[in-house]
Protein backbone atom coordinates (compact mmCIF):
# COMPACT_ATOMS: atom_id res chain seq x y z
CA MET A 1 0.00 0.00 0.00
CA PRO A 2 1.67 3.30 -1.09
CA THR A 3 2.07 6.20 1.30
CA ALA A 4 1.31 9.71 0.06
CA LEU A 5 2.12 13.09 1.58
CA VAL A 6 -0.41 15.80 0.72
CA THR A 7 0.66 19.34 1.54
CA GLY A 8 -2.22 21.75 2.00
CA ALA A 9 -4.37 18.81 3.16
CA ALA A 10 -6.83 21.10 4.95
CA GLY A 11 -7.38 23.11 1.80
CA PHE A 12 -10.09 22.70 -0.80
CA ILE A 13 -8.15 20.62 -3.32
CA GLY A 14 -5.88 18.97 -0.76
CA SER A 15 -8.72 17.62 1.36
CA ASN A 16 -10.64 16.27 -1.62
CA LEU A 17 -7.48 14.69 -3.01
CA SER A 18 -6.62 13.14 0.37
CA GLU A 19 -10.06 11.56 0.63
CA ALA A 20 -9.83 10.15 -2.89
CA LEU A 21 -6.38 8.69 -2.20
CA LEU A 22 -7.66 7.02 0.97
CA ASP A 23 -10.52 5.52 -0.99
CA ARG A 24 -7.98 4.25 -3.51
CA GLY A 25 -6.04 2.39 -0.83
CA TYR A 26 -3.26 4.86 -0.07
CA GLU A 27 -2.01 5.67 3.39
CA VAL A 28 -2.15 9.46 3.50
CA ARG A 29 -0.14 11.89 5.60
CA GLY A 30 -1.49 15.42 5.51
CA VAL A 31 0.31 18.68 6.29
CA ASP A 32 -1.18 22.15 6.69
CA ASN A 33 -0.49 25.26 8.76
CA PHE A 34 -4.09 26.58 8.46
CA ALA A 35 -2.98 29.89 6.95
CA THR A 36 -5.65 29.31 4.31
CA GLY A 37 -6.76 25.73 5.02
CA ARG A 38 -9.84 25.02 7.14
CA ARG A 39 -9.94 22.58 10.04
CA GLU A 40 -13.44 21.44 9.14
CA ASN A 41 -12.11 20.12 5.82
CA LEU A 42 -10.24 17.48 7.82
CA ASP A 43 -13.39 16.15 9.53
CA PRO A 44 -14.07 13.40 6.94
CA LEU A 45 -10.40 12.38 7.03
CA GLU A 46 -9.42 12.21 10.68
CA SER A 47 -11.74 9.29 11.43
CA ARG A 48 -9.85 7.18 8.89
CA ASP A 49 -7.23 4.82 10.31
CA ASP A 50 -4.98 5.30 7.29
CA PHE A 51 -4.85 9.10 7.61
CA GLU A 52 -2.33 11.01 9.70
CA PHE A 53 -2.26 14.79 10.04
CA ARG A 54 0.57 17.10 11.06
CA GLU A 55 0.20 20.82 11.60
CA ALA A 56 3.31 22.32 10.05
CA ASP A 57 4.56 25.03 7.71
CA ILE A 58 5.99 23.89 4.38
CA ARG A 59 8.85 26.37 4.84
CA ASP A 60 10.01 24.48 7.96
CA ASP A 61 12.81 22.24 6.72
CA GLY A 62 12.86 20.03 9.80
CA ALA A 63 9.11 19.51 9.78
CA MET A 64 9.13 18.68 6.07
CA ALA A 65 12.02 16.23 6.50
CA ASP A 66 9.95 14.40 9.12
CA ALA A 67 6.79 14.58 7.01
CA VAL A 68 8.31 12.95 3.90
CA ASP A 69 10.06 10.16 5.80
CA GLY A 70 8.80 6.86 4.39
CA VAL A 71 6.63 8.50 1.72
CA ASP A 72 6.29 7.11 -1.81
CA CYS A 73 4.40 9.99 -3.47
CA LEU A 74 4.27 13.72 -2.77
CA PHE A 75 1.24 15.77 -3.80
CA HIS A 76 2.25 19.40 -3.26
CA GLN A 77 -0.99 21.41 -3.07
CA ALA A 78 -0.09 23.96 -0.37
CA ALA A 79 0.05 27.58 -1.53
CA VAL A 80 -1.16 31.07 -0.83
CA ALA A 81 -3.57 31.36 -3.74
CA SER A 82 -5.34 34.31 -5.42
CA VAL A 83 -4.01 36.81 -7.94
CA PRO A 84 -5.50 39.86 -6.12
CA ARG A 85 -4.03 38.73 -2.79
CA SER A 86 -0.59 38.43 -4.37
CA VAL A 87 -0.85 41.90 -5.89
CA GLU A 88 -1.63 43.36 -2.45
CA ASP A 89 0.92 41.20 -0.59
CA PRO A 90 3.59 39.86 -2.97
CA VAL A 91 6.00 38.95 -0.17
CA THR A 92 3.74 36.38 1.52
CA SER A 93 2.73 34.74 -1.76
CA THR A 94 6.32 34.54 -2.95
CA ASP A 95 7.67 33.24 0.35
CA ALA A 96 5.02 30.55 0.83
CA ASN A 97 4.81 29.45 -2.78
CA CYS A 98 8.47 29.65 -3.81
CA THR A 99 10.43 29.01 -0.61
CA GLY A 100 7.80 26.50 0.50
CA THR A 101 8.00 24.55 -2.75
CA ALA A 102 11.79 24.47 -2.67
CA THR A 103 11.77 23.25 0.93
CA VAL A 104 9.22 20.49 0.27
CA LEU A 105 10.90 19.26 -2.90
CA ASP A 106 14.34 19.24 -1.33
CA ALA A 107 13.03 17.24 1.62
CA ALA A 108 11.42 14.79 -0.82
CA ARG A 109 14.69 14.45 -2.72
CA ARG A 110 16.66 13.72 0.43
CA ALA A 111 14.06 11.16 1.53
CA ASP A 112 14.18 9.32 -1.83
CA VAL A 113 10.50 9.96 -2.58
CA ASP A 114 9.64 8.31 -5.89
CA THR A 115 7.17 10.79 -7.36
CA ALA A 116 6.16 14.41 -6.84
CA VAL A 117 3.07 16.03 -8.36
CA VAL A 118 2.89 19.80 -7.86
CA ALA A 119 0.00 22.21 -8.32
CA SER A 120 0.62 24.95 -10.85
CA SER A 121 -1.89 27.32 -12.42
CA SER A 122 -3.30 28.46 -15.74
CA SER A 123 -2.22 31.95 -14.68
CA VAL A 124 1.31 31.16 -15.95
CA TYR A 125 0.03 31.79 -19.50
CA GLY A 126 -0.68 35.43 -18.78
CA ALA A 127 -3.03 37.59 -20.80
CA SER A 128 -2.28 36.24 -24.28
CA GLU A 129 -5.47 36.28 -26.37
CA GLU A 130 -4.59 33.03 -28.12
CA LEU A 131 -7.04 30.27 -27.18
CA PRO A 132 -7.11 27.52 -26.15
CA LYS A 133 -4.02 27.48 -23.98
CA ILE A 134 -1.55 24.79 -25.05
CA GLU A 135 1.50 23.74 -23.03
CA THR A 136 3.83 24.67 -25.90
CA MET A 137 2.79 28.34 -25.66
CA PRO A 138 5.15 30.85 -24.04
CA THR A 139 4.55 31.44 -20.33
CA THR A 140 4.13 35.10 -19.42
CA PRO A 141 3.04 35.30 -15.77
CA GLU A 142 1.61 38.75 -14.99
CA SER A 143 1.11 38.72 -11.22
CA PRO A 144 3.19 37.71 -8.22
CA TYR A 145 0.94 34.65 -7.78
CA ALA A 146 1.37 33.58 -11.41
CA LEU A 147 5.11 34.10 -11.16
CA SER A 148 5.28 31.99 -8.00
CA LYS A 149 3.37 29.18 -9.72
CA TYR A 150 5.71 29.37 -12.69
CA PHE A 151 8.61 28.98 -10.26
CA THR A 152 6.83 26.05 -8.59
CA GLU A 153 6.46 24.08 -11.78
CA GLU A 154 9.87 24.96 -13.21
CA LEU A 155 11.64 23.93 -10.01
CA ALA A 156 9.72 20.67 -9.88
CA LEU A 157 10.49 19.81 -13.48
CA GLU A 158 14.18 20.60 -12.98
CA PHE A 159 14.24 18.17 -10.06
CA SER A 160 13.43 15.38 -12.52
CA ASP A 161 16.58 16.35 -14.44
CA PHE A 162 18.92 16.77 -11.49
CA TYR A 163 17.72 14.07 -9.10
CA ASP A 164 16.19 10.60 -9.04
CA ILE A 165 12.59 11.76 -8.59
CA ASP A 166 9.76 11.74 -11.12
CA THR A 167 7.92 15.07 -11.24
CA VAL A 168 4.79 16.39 -12.92
CA ALA A 169 3.26 19.87 -12.75
CA LEU A 170 -0.48 20.37 -13.16
CA ARG A 171 -1.74 23.71 -14.44
CA TYR A 172 -5.16 24.00 -12.82
CA PHE A 173 -7.87 25.93 -14.64
CA ASN A 174 -10.32 27.44 -12.11
CA VAL A 175 -11.02 24.36 -10.01
CA PHE A 176 -14.27 24.50 -8.03
CA GLY A 177 -16.45 22.28 -5.86
CA PRO A 178 -17.31 21.26 -2.29
CA ARG A 179 -15.13 22.55 0.58
CA GLN A 180 -13.95 25.63 -1.32
CA ASP A 181 -13.97 28.60 1.04
CA PRO A 182 -16.74 31.08 0.11
CA GLU A 183 -15.69 33.72 2.63
CA GLY A 184 -13.38 36.73 2.44
CA GLN A 185 -12.32 39.18 -0.22
CA TYR A 186 -10.07 36.62 -1.96
CA ALA A 187 -12.65 33.84 -2.22
CA ALA A 188 -12.94 32.17 -5.62
CA VAL A 189 -15.84 33.27 -7.77
CA ILE A 190 -18.04 30.15 -7.71
CA PRO A 191 -18.24 29.49 -3.96
CA LYS A 192 -18.61 33.20 -3.31
CA PHE A 193 -21.42 33.62 -5.85
CA VAL A 194 -23.20 30.46 -4.68
CA SER A 195 -23.05 31.56 -1.05
CA LEU A 196 -24.32 35.07 -1.79
CA MET A 197 -27.09 33.99 -4.14
CA LEU A 198 -28.33 31.30 -1.74
CA ASP A 199 -28.86 34.18 0.69
CA GLY A 200 -30.63 36.24 -1.98
CA GLU A 201 -27.73 38.70 -2.30
CA ARG A 202 -26.29 40.14 -5.50
CA PRO A 203 -22.79 38.97 -6.46
CA VAL A 204 -20.16 41.48 -7.57
CA VAL A 205 -18.76 41.00 -11.07
CA PHE A 206 -15.43 42.72 -11.73
CA GLY A 207 -15.54 44.05 -15.28
CA ASP A 208 -18.30 43.48 -17.82
CA GLY A 209 -18.83 39.80 -17.00
CA GLU A 210 -17.81 38.65 -20.46
CA GLN A 211 -14.46 37.39 -19.21
CA SER A 212 -14.45 33.60 -19.47
CA ARG A 213 -12.98 30.70 -17.52
CA ASP A 214 -12.51 26.98 -18.02
CA PHE A 215 -14.28 26.10 -14.76
CA THR A 216 -13.09 22.64 -13.70
CA TYR A 217 -14.91 20.49 -11.16
CA ILE A 218 -12.76 19.14 -8.33
CA ASP A 219 -13.16 15.46 -9.32
CA ASN A 220 -11.37 16.20 -12.59
CA ALA A 221 -8.40 17.76 -10.78
CA VAL A 222 -8.23 14.77 -8.42
CA GLN A 223 -8.25 12.40 -11.40
CA ALA A 224 -5.33 14.28 -12.97
CA ASN A 225 -3.28 14.06 -9.76
CA VAL A 226 -3.80 10.30 -9.44
CA LEU A 227 -2.97 9.68 -13.10
CA ALA A 228 0.17 11.83 -12.84
CA ALA A 229 1.39 9.98 -9.75
CA GLU A 230 0.64 6.50 -11.01
CA GLY A 231 1.79 6.99 -14.61
CA ASP A 232 5.28 6.80 -16.06
CA VAL A 233 5.58 10.42 -17.27
CA THR A 234 8.15 12.73 -15.70
CA GLY A 235 9.43 16.25 -16.24
CA GLU A 236 6.21 17.48 -17.88
CA ALA A 237 3.58 20.14 -17.24
CA PHE A 238 -0.07 19.49 -18.09
CA ASN A 239 -3.23 21.57 -18.38
CA VAL A 240 -6.03 20.40 -16.10
CA GLY A 241 -9.34 21.76 -17.33
CA THR A 242 -12.44 20.64 -19.17
CA GLY A 243 -11.59 22.06 -22.58
CA GLY A 244 -14.43 24.60 -22.57
CA ARG A 245 -15.13 28.05 -21.23
CA VAL A 246 -17.98 29.88 -19.54
CA THR A 247 -18.37 33.64 -19.07
CA VAL A 248 -19.01 35.07 -15.62
CA ASN A 249 -22.36 36.34 -16.88
CA GLU A 250 -23.24 32.79 -17.99
CA LEU A 251 -22.19 31.53 -14.56
CA VAL A 252 -24.66 33.91 -12.90
CA GLY A 253 -27.37 32.85 -15.32
CA THR A 254 -26.79 29.14 -14.65
CA LEU A 255 -26.84 29.73 -10.91
CA ASN A 256 -30.15 31.58 -11.25
CA ASP A 257 -31.53 28.57 -13.11
CA LEU A 258 -30.32 26.12 -10.46
CA LEU A 259 -31.52 28.27 -7.56
CA GLU A 260 -34.76 29.31 -9.32
CA THR A 261 -33.92 32.96 -8.70
CA GLU A 262 -33.65 36.14 -10.78
CA ILE A 263 -30.71 37.90 -9.14
CA ASP A 264 -28.81 40.49 -11.19
CA PRO A 265 -25.13 41.00 -10.38
CA VAL A 266 -23.47 44.27 -9.41
CA TYR A 267 -20.73 45.34 -11.83
CA ASP A 268 -17.50 46.91 -10.60
CA ASP A 269 -14.10 47.86 -12.06
CA PRO A 270 -11.85 45.05 -13.33
CA ARG A 271 -9.18 43.84 -10.89
CA PRO A 272 -5.47 44.23 -11.69
CA GLY A 273 -3.73 41.04 -12.71
CA ASP A 274 -6.87 39.17 -13.81
CA VAL A 275 -6.66 37.65 -17.30
CA ARG A 276 -9.54 38.15 -19.74
CA HIS A 277 -10.03 34.59 -20.96
CA SER A 278 -8.90 31.15 -19.85
CA HIS A 279 -9.49 27.98 -21.89
CA ALA A 280 -7.49 24.75 -21.66
CA ASP A 281 -6.41 22.40 -24.39
CA VAL A 282 -6.25 19.10 -22.48
CA SER A 283 -5.09 16.87 -25.33
CA LYS A 284 -1.57 16.47 -23.91
CA ALA A 285 -2.92 15.22 -20.58
CA ALA A 286 -5.33 12.94 -22.44
CA ASP A 287 -2.58 11.49 -24.63
CA LEU A 288 0.16 11.04 -22.01
CA LEU A 289 -1.82 10.55 -18.79
CA GLY A 290 -5.14 9.19 -19.99
CA TYR A 291 -6.90 12.22 -18.50
CA ASP A 292 -10.60 12.38 -19.33
CA PRO A 293 -12.63 15.00 -17.41
CA GLU A 294 -15.75 13.16 -16.29
CA VAL A 295 -17.77 15.96 -14.67
CA GLY A 296 -18.82 18.90 -16.81
CA PHE A 297 -19.44 22.47 -15.71
CA GLU A 298 -23.20 22.32 -15.15
CA ALA A 299 -23.14 18.92 -13.39
CA GLY A 300 -20.30 20.11 -11.16
CA LEU A 301 -22.07 23.39 -10.42
CA GLU A 302 -25.24 21.51 -9.43
CA ARG A 303 -23.24 19.34 -7.00
CA THR A 304 -21.55 22.44 -5.61
CA VAL A 305 -24.84 24.23 -5.04
CA GLU A 306 -26.21 21.22 -3.18
CA TYR A 307 -23.12 21.15 -0.95
CA TYR A 308 -23.43 24.82 0.03
CA ARG A 309 -27.19 24.61 0.32
């Protein structure tokens, strides 16, 4: 039975991934410092005999050395996310995402971990108008967060060249679903909109609402992580999306349909650092990993609404 370390295990993606790995027969060790993770996300995990949790910071070399001891696979999900947050506080995003990644990967190298899968982001493509985004395109990160994710994936891929560790970077495209935090000014758009509209409140759209995203349900991101860890590909970055795109205005309209409401959004100025359109070409992941997104946008949104309801 393989042992996996999941950093950011109390986060949205990390907790869902941990649960899926447990169901798959892994022993899972989770790490989180609760800077952005939520303790309640661990509730379904801590009753499992094959789950162990450690409260620690990924920048703590000693704690990471202990955490990776005896681990077969590393799933590095921990990060300070959000483009706007990074624009307001570039130091924290850079320190956590860059120094943290280097510390975790170096600990994994020294512990002879076989495989490392790291979370990157579609934001590394920048504001290029060329769609869909293909991994062969130039990367032009345009925010401190995007730059830190570019560093994360580049460092991971270099580790596969320098050391005896297989590495894969996954460029997430707007992952959403249960356990995603709807609170605070940096909350992702879907949980925030769902939470507000369930309460009959009007969501705030930054810009004209015609910006589009490849909204990707959490089960698809989990699938990509498992395939990357269990496959024989190393030193590669992959898009993780659904291969489609939905405007923010269409998102509001679909939510109104699901909630049986007629709530109009409030429009505000665009936010600095946000890209206009995001749309993944997932053919590389399909060809090399066998990735096949199973849950589409509307089905995923319906499940998400039911969770928050």
